[in-house]
Amino acid sequence: MVGHPLSFPGIVPEFDYRQVQVAESSYLVGIAGEGPAVVLLHGFPENQYCWRKVAPALTEGRTVVLTDLKGYGDSTAPPGGPRGEGYSKREMAAELVELMGVLRHERFAVVGHDRGARVAYRMALDWPDRVERLCVLNIIPTVDQFERMAAEPSPSYFPFFLLAEPAPLPERLVGANAELFLRHILGAWTAVDGAIDEEAFARYLATFNEEKLASICSEYRAAFHIDREHDAADRKAGERIECPVLVHWGADDMAESPLAILERWANQVEGGPLPGGHFVPEEAPAELAASLREFLA
């Protein structure tokens, strides 16, 4: 169900916003531009506001769709099961494919950062007839990520394990001082000073509350218990992403190029590093927008 356009200016001012209901989830969706559609998906611990410097630059020749991931930001959804049921990337991807169908976009491109990229590549694997192009930022597939974490331990990997702990431990630990936690993550993973200013921080903190932490932890539990099993099964079966894939990562975020790993999953892969750390849409927005315009053209 698509609601009427909302009267207030939305999260990204150039976009018109409406509520879209998919099953038991409600999404606040921003739309701008005309032409073939591209949907942009944010990562942890942010929301769709992270695209504020990129999305407007893509509207010439494209309909750009902004939305929060299930249970993040201004979306609402029931809590997940003990293993993250309801928040597997397969389930999240299916809801977003349905959402795009409600918006009358039967084929579309998808760009995902971090957790959004994990949903995005699952969309391309499970719905090859719907996804025409894919861009993933700052990730390798989930099964490969867990294998890398086992082989090369690093303190920076702690959210994969802490947030996957059984409820309510991580929700209460993080919720006890959400501002401190958020400042640590955004500060430690950013290499470009000022890329995430106080206004952006306030917008992320506003949707980093008790309700959202339950959903975020459900999503991380699903990655640990469910998503890597889905990935492992697909990898064993030789499933591949059929559409063209663009890969970018922050030069100060990933020490090794993820291209070789993504080439095991997809038939057409291109890309390279961009300046900055983990938050590419905010640390290298001009470079990312230019690359996306060329890729989507």
Protein backbone atom coordinates (compact mmCIF):
# COMPACT_ATOMS: atom_id res chain seq x y z
CA MET A 1 0.00 0.00 0.00
CA VAL A 2 1.40 3.41 -0.98
CA GLY A 3 0.45 6.41 1.10
CA HIS A 4 -0.06 9.88 -0.23
CA PRO A 5 3.04 12.11 -0.44
CA LEU A 6 3.73 13.59 2.97
CA SER A 7 3.42 17.30 3.56
CA PHE A 8 6.62 17.78 5.58
CA PRO A 9 10.00 18.20 3.81
CA GLY A 10 11.48 14.67 4.30
CA ILE A 11 14.82 13.36 5.34
CA VAL A 12 16.59 14.45 2.14
CA PRO A 13 14.93 17.77 1.19
CA GLU A 14 14.94 17.22 -2.59
CA PHE A 15 12.83 14.06 -2.23
CA ASP A 16 9.08 13.54 -1.88
CA TYR A 17 8.18 11.15 0.94
CA ARG A 18 5.39 8.65 1.48
CA GLN A 19 4.68 5.64 3.71
CA VAL A 20 4.68 2.25 2.03
CA GLN A 21 3.31 -0.81 3.83
CA VAL A 22 4.78 -4.21 2.97
CA ALA A 23 3.40 -7.13 5.00
CA GLU A 24 3.88 -6.10 8.64
CA SER A 25 6.60 -3.55 7.87
CA SER A 26 6.14 0.14 7.16
CA TYR A 27 8.74 2.09 5.17
CA LEU A 28 9.22 5.85 4.81
CA VAL A 29 10.21 6.17 1.16
CA GLY A 30 11.74 9.17 -0.59
CA ILE A 31 11.45 9.50 -4.37
CA ALA A 32 12.97 11.98 -6.83
CA GLY A 33 13.89 12.08 -10.52
CA GLU A 34 12.54 10.30 -13.59
CA GLY A 35 13.58 7.27 -15.58
CA PRO A 36 14.71 3.74 -14.65
CA ALA A 37 14.77 3.24 -10.89
CA VAL A 38 17.68 2.84 -8.51
CA VAL A 39 17.18 2.16 -4.80
CA LEU A 40 19.84 3.20 -2.28
CA LEU A 41 20.29 1.17 0.94
CA HIS A 42 22.25 2.45 3.94
CA GLY A 43 24.39 0.56 6.43
CA PHE A 44 24.98 0.27 10.18
CA PRO A 45 24.62 2.33 12.35
CA GLU A 46 23.05 4.91 10.06
CA ASN A 47 19.84 5.47 8.11
CA GLN A 48 18.92 6.82 4.68
CA TYR A 49 20.24 10.29 5.58
CA CYS A 50 23.71 8.98 4.70
CA TRP A 51 22.79 9.40 1.01
CA ARG A 52 22.11 13.16 1.30
CA LYS A 53 25.25 14.08 -0.70
CA VAL A 54 24.88 11.35 -3.33
CA ALA A 55 21.19 10.78 -4.06
CA PRO A 56 20.35 14.22 -5.58
CA ALA A 57 23.25 13.83 -8.04
CA LEU A 58 21.71 10.63 -9.45
CA THR A 59 18.24 11.99 -10.28
CA GLU A 60 19.07 13.11 -13.82
CA GLY A 61 17.86 10.21 -15.94
CA ARG A 62 16.97 8.00 -12.96
CA THR A 63 14.17 7.65 -10.45
CA VAL A 64 16.02 7.49 -7.15
CA VAL A 65 14.34 5.66 -4.26
CA LEU A 66 15.50 6.12 -0.67
CA THR A 67 14.35 3.94 2.18
CA ASP A 68 15.59 2.65 5.50
CA LEU A 69 16.33 -1.02 5.99
CA LYS A 70 13.71 -3.04 7.81
CA GLY A 71 13.65 -1.96 11.46
CA TYR A 72 16.21 0.82 10.96
CA GLY A 73 15.66 4.58 10.81
CA ASP A 74 12.05 5.56 10.20
CA SER A 75 10.90 2.10 9.18
CA THR A 76 8.85 0.04 11.61
CA ALA A 77 8.62 -3.74 11.84
CA PRO A 78 7.89 -6.45 14.41
CA PRO A 79 10.84 -7.76 16.45
CA GLY A 80 12.74 -10.73 15.14
CA GLY A 81 12.95 -14.27 16.43
CA PRO A 82 15.72 -15.61 18.68
CA ARG A 83 17.94 -16.39 15.67
CA GLY A 84 16.94 -13.22 13.88
CA GLU A 85 14.02 -14.78 12.03
CA GLY A 86 12.25 -12.08 10.05
CA TYR A 87 15.51 -10.20 9.49
CA SER A 88 17.49 -12.55 7.29
CA LYS A 89 18.83 -10.80 4.21
CA ARG A 90 16.61 -13.09 2.12
CA GLU A 91 13.51 -11.84 3.95
CA MET A 92 14.65 -8.22 3.94
CA ALA A 93 15.45 -8.41 0.23
CA ALA A 94 12.06 -9.94 -0.58
CA GLU A 95 10.26 -7.11 1.23
CA LEU A 96 12.21 -4.48 -0.70
CA VAL A 97 11.52 -6.19 -4.01
CA GLU A 98 7.83 -6.10 -3.09
CA LEU A 99 8.16 -2.45 -2.10
CA MET A 100 9.64 -1.60 -5.50
CA GLY A 101 6.77 -3.47 -7.14
CA VAL A 102 4.27 -1.40 -5.17
CA LEU A 103 6.05 1.67 -6.53
CA ARG A 104 5.64 0.16 -10.04
CA HIS A 105 9.31 -0.52 -10.66
CA GLU A 106 9.53 -4.09 -11.91
CA ARG A 107 13.24 -3.78 -12.77
CA PHE A 108 15.69 -1.56 -10.98
CA ALA A 109 19.28 -1.06 -9.93
CA VAL A 110 20.32 -1.29 -6.29
CA VAL A 111 23.18 0.37 -4.43
CA GLY A 112 23.98 -0.79 -0.91
CA HIS A 113 26.45 0.26 1.74
CA ASP A 114 27.54 -2.06 4.55
CA ARG A 115 24.42 -3.90 5.85
CA GLY A 116 22.45 -2.47 2.95
CA ALA A 117 24.98 -4.03 0.59
CA ARG A 118 24.33 -7.41 2.17
CA VAL A 119 20.64 -7.00 1.44
CA ALA A 120 21.48 -5.72 -2.05
CA TYR A 121 23.55 -8.69 -3.20
CA ARG A 122 20.94 -11.05 -1.78
CA MET A 123 18.34 -9.23 -3.91
CA ALA A 124 20.50 -9.80 -6.98
CA LEU A 125 21.01 -13.50 -6.16
CA ASP A 126 17.37 -14.26 -5.34
CA TRP A 127 15.67 -11.94 -7.84
CA PRO A 128 17.84 -11.86 -11.00
CA ASP A 129 14.86 -10.91 -13.14
CA ARG A 130 14.26 -7.79 -11.05
CA VAL A 131 17.77 -6.42 -10.37
CA GLU A 132 19.44 -4.97 -13.46
CA ARG A 133 22.60 -3.58 -11.84
CA LEU A 134 24.22 -3.86 -8.42
CA CYS A 135 26.69 -1.72 -6.51
CA VAL A 136 28.09 -2.85 -3.15
CA LEU A 137 30.16 -0.66 -0.86
CA ASN A 138 32.61 -1.74 1.84
CA ILE A 139 31.73 -5.44 2.10
CA ILE A 140 32.50 -8.96 1.06
CA PRO A 141 29.69 -11.57 1.20
CA THR A 142 28.66 -12.62 4.69
CA VAL A 143 30.01 -16.19 4.59
CA ASP A 144 33.36 -14.90 3.37
CA GLN A 145 33.31 -12.19 6.04
CA PHE A 146 32.90 -14.71 8.86
CA GLU A 147 35.67 -16.87 7.40
CA ARG A 148 37.96 -13.84 7.22
CA MET A 149 37.13 -12.88 10.81
CA ALA A 150 38.06 -16.40 11.96
CA ALA A 151 41.35 -16.33 10.07
CA GLU A 152 42.29 -12.71 10.80
CA PRO A 153 40.80 -11.60 14.16
CA SER A 154 40.44 -7.86 14.68
CA PRO A 155 38.76 -5.79 17.44
CA SER A 156 36.90 -3.84 14.74
CA TYR A 157 34.82 -6.93 13.99
CA PHE A 158 33.13 -6.83 17.41
CA PRO A 159 29.61 -5.74 16.20
CA PHE A 160 29.25 -9.02 14.25
CA PHE A 161 29.44 -10.93 17.54
CA LEU A 162 28.25 -8.54 20.23
CA LEU A 163 25.03 -7.60 18.44
CA ALA A 164 24.31 -11.24 17.61
CA GLU A 165 24.26 -12.25 21.28
CA PRO A 166 20.87 -13.45 22.58
CA ALA A 167 18.36 -10.78 23.57
CA PRO A 168 18.29 -8.67 25.60
CA LEU A 169 22.04 -8.48 26.34
CA PRO A 170 23.28 -6.37 23.41
CA GLU A 171 20.16 -4.21 23.34
CA ARG A 172 20.65 -3.28 26.98
CA LEU A 173 24.42 -2.87 26.80
CA VAL A 174 24.27 -0.54 23.81
CA GLY A 175 21.10 1.19 24.97
CA ALA A 176 22.69 2.08 28.31
CA ASN A 177 24.73 4.72 26.48
CA ALA A 178 23.70 4.74 22.83
CA GLU A 179 25.36 8.11 22.21
CA LEU A 180 28.76 6.85 23.40
CA PHE A 181 28.43 3.70 21.30
CA LEU A 182 27.40 5.63 18.20
CA ARG A 183 30.19 8.19 18.58
CA HIS A 184 32.71 5.40 18.94
CA ILE A 185 31.59 3.58 15.80
CA LEU A 186 31.27 6.68 13.63
CA GLY A 187 34.57 8.06 14.88
CA ALA A 188 36.62 4.87 14.69
CA TRP A 189 35.41 3.92 11.21
CA THR A 190 35.74 7.38 9.60
CA ALA A 191 38.97 8.68 8.05
CA VAL A 192 37.76 12.04 6.67
CA ASP A 193 37.35 14.71 9.33
CA GLY A 194 33.94 16.38 9.30
CA ALA A 195 32.37 13.88 6.90
CA ILE A 196 29.73 13.11 9.53
CA ASP A 197 28.88 16.41 11.18
CA GLU A 198 26.82 17.04 14.31
CA GLU A 199 23.56 17.37 12.38
CA ALA A 200 24.12 13.98 10.78
CA PHE A 201 25.09 12.48 14.13
CA ALA A 202 21.92 13.84 15.73
CA ARG A 203 19.80 12.30 12.95
CA TYR A 204 21.44 8.91 13.42
CA LEU A 205 21.15 9.05 17.19
CA ALA A 206 17.46 9.95 16.97
CA THR A 207 16.73 6.60 15.29
CA PHE A 208 19.20 4.60 17.39
CA ASN A 209 16.74 3.99 20.20
CA GLU A 210 15.42 1.00 22.15
CA GLU A 211 12.92 -0.03 19.46
CA LYS A 212 15.48 0.17 16.65
CA LEU A 213 18.19 -1.59 18.65
CA ALA A 214 15.89 -4.62 18.91
CA SER A 215 15.59 -4.71 15.12
CA ILE A 216 19.29 -4.00 14.52
CA CYS A 217 20.31 -6.83 16.83
CA SER A 218 17.80 -9.12 15.12
CA GLU A 219 19.45 -8.32 11.81
CA TYR A 220 22.91 -9.14 13.21
CA ARG A 221 21.60 -12.36 14.75
CA ALA A 222 20.21 -13.33 11.35
CA ALA A 223 23.60 -12.70 9.76
CA PHE A 224 25.28 -15.02 12.26
CA HIS A 225 22.68 -17.80 12.30
CA ILE A 226 20.91 -17.63 8.92
CA ASP A 227 22.57 -15.46 6.29
CA ARG A 228 25.91 -17.20 6.25
CA GLU A 229 24.11 -20.54 5.84
CA HIS A 230 22.24 -19.15 2.83
CA ASP A 231 25.49 -17.81 1.40
CA ALA A 232 27.33 -21.07 1.98
CA ALA A 233 24.58 -23.05 0.25
CA ASP A 234 24.61 -20.71 -2.74
CA ARG A 235 28.39 -20.78 -2.96
CA LYS A 236 28.40 -24.59 -2.86
CA ALA A 237 25.70 -24.71 -5.55
CA GLY A 238 27.65 -22.31 -7.77
CA GLU A 239 24.95 -19.63 -7.73
CA ARG A 240 26.19 -16.38 -9.27
CA ILE A 241 25.04 -12.80 -9.63
CA GLU A 242 24.10 -12.33 -13.27
CA CYS A 243 23.89 -8.53 -13.52
CA PRO A 244 26.88 -6.14 -13.74
CA VAL A 245 28.40 -5.40 -10.33
CA LEU A 246 30.25 -2.28 -9.21
CA VAL A 247 32.37 -2.55 -6.06
CA HIS A 248 33.84 0.33 -4.07
CA TRP A 249 35.45 0.55 -0.65
CA GLY A 250 37.24 3.14 1.44
CA ALA A 251 40.98 3.07 0.87
CA ASP A 252 41.54 3.45 4.63
CA ASP A 253 38.87 0.90 5.55
CA MET A 254 39.78 -2.33 3.76
CA ALA A 255 43.45 -3.26 3.55
CA GLU A 256 42.84 -5.78 0.76
CA SER A 257 40.81 -5.36 -2.41
CA PRO A 258 37.52 -7.28 -2.22
CA LEU A 259 37.35 -7.59 -6.02
CA ALA A 260 38.79 -11.10 -6.18
CA ILE A 261 36.21 -12.38 -3.68
CA LEU A 262 33.32 -10.67 -5.49
CA GLU A 263 34.51 -12.13 -8.79
CA ARG A 264 33.79 -15.59 -7.34
CA TRP A 265 30.17 -14.52 -6.94
CA ALA A 266 29.44 -12.49 -10.06
CA ASN A 267 30.02 -12.66 -13.80
CA GLN A 268 30.82 -8.97 -14.37
CA VAL A 269 32.70 -7.08 -11.67
CA GLU A 270 34.45 -3.73 -11.74
CA GLY A 271 35.44 -1.07 -9.24
CA GLY A 272 38.17 0.15 -6.94
CA PRO A 273 38.95 2.08 -3.75
CA LEU A 274 37.67 5.58 -3.02
CA PRO A 275 39.15 8.09 -0.56
CA GLY A 276 38.32 7.75 3.12
CA GLY A 277 37.23 5.09 5.53
CA HIS A 278 34.15 2.94 5.98
CA PHE A 279 31.43 5.50 5.27
CA VAL A 280 32.00 6.00 1.54
CA PRO A 281 28.68 7.79 0.82
CA GLU A 282 29.71 10.54 3.24
CA GLU A 283 33.50 10.48 2.95
CA ALA A 284 33.73 10.37 -0.86
CA PRO A 285 30.29 11.50 -2.09
CA ALA A 286 31.47 13.29 -5.25
CA GLU A 287 33.65 10.39 -6.34
CA LEU A 288 30.94 7.85 -5.60
CA ALA A 289 28.23 9.86 -7.39
CA ALA A 290 30.42 10.24 -10.48
CA SER A 291 31.15 6.51 -10.57
CA LEU A 292 27.48 5.62 -10.08
CA ARG A 293 26.34 7.98 -12.84
CA GLU A 294 28.71 6.26 -15.26
CA PHE A 295 27.77 2.77 -14.08
CA LEU A 296 24.03 3.40 -14.14
CA ALA A 297 24.13 5.09 -17.54
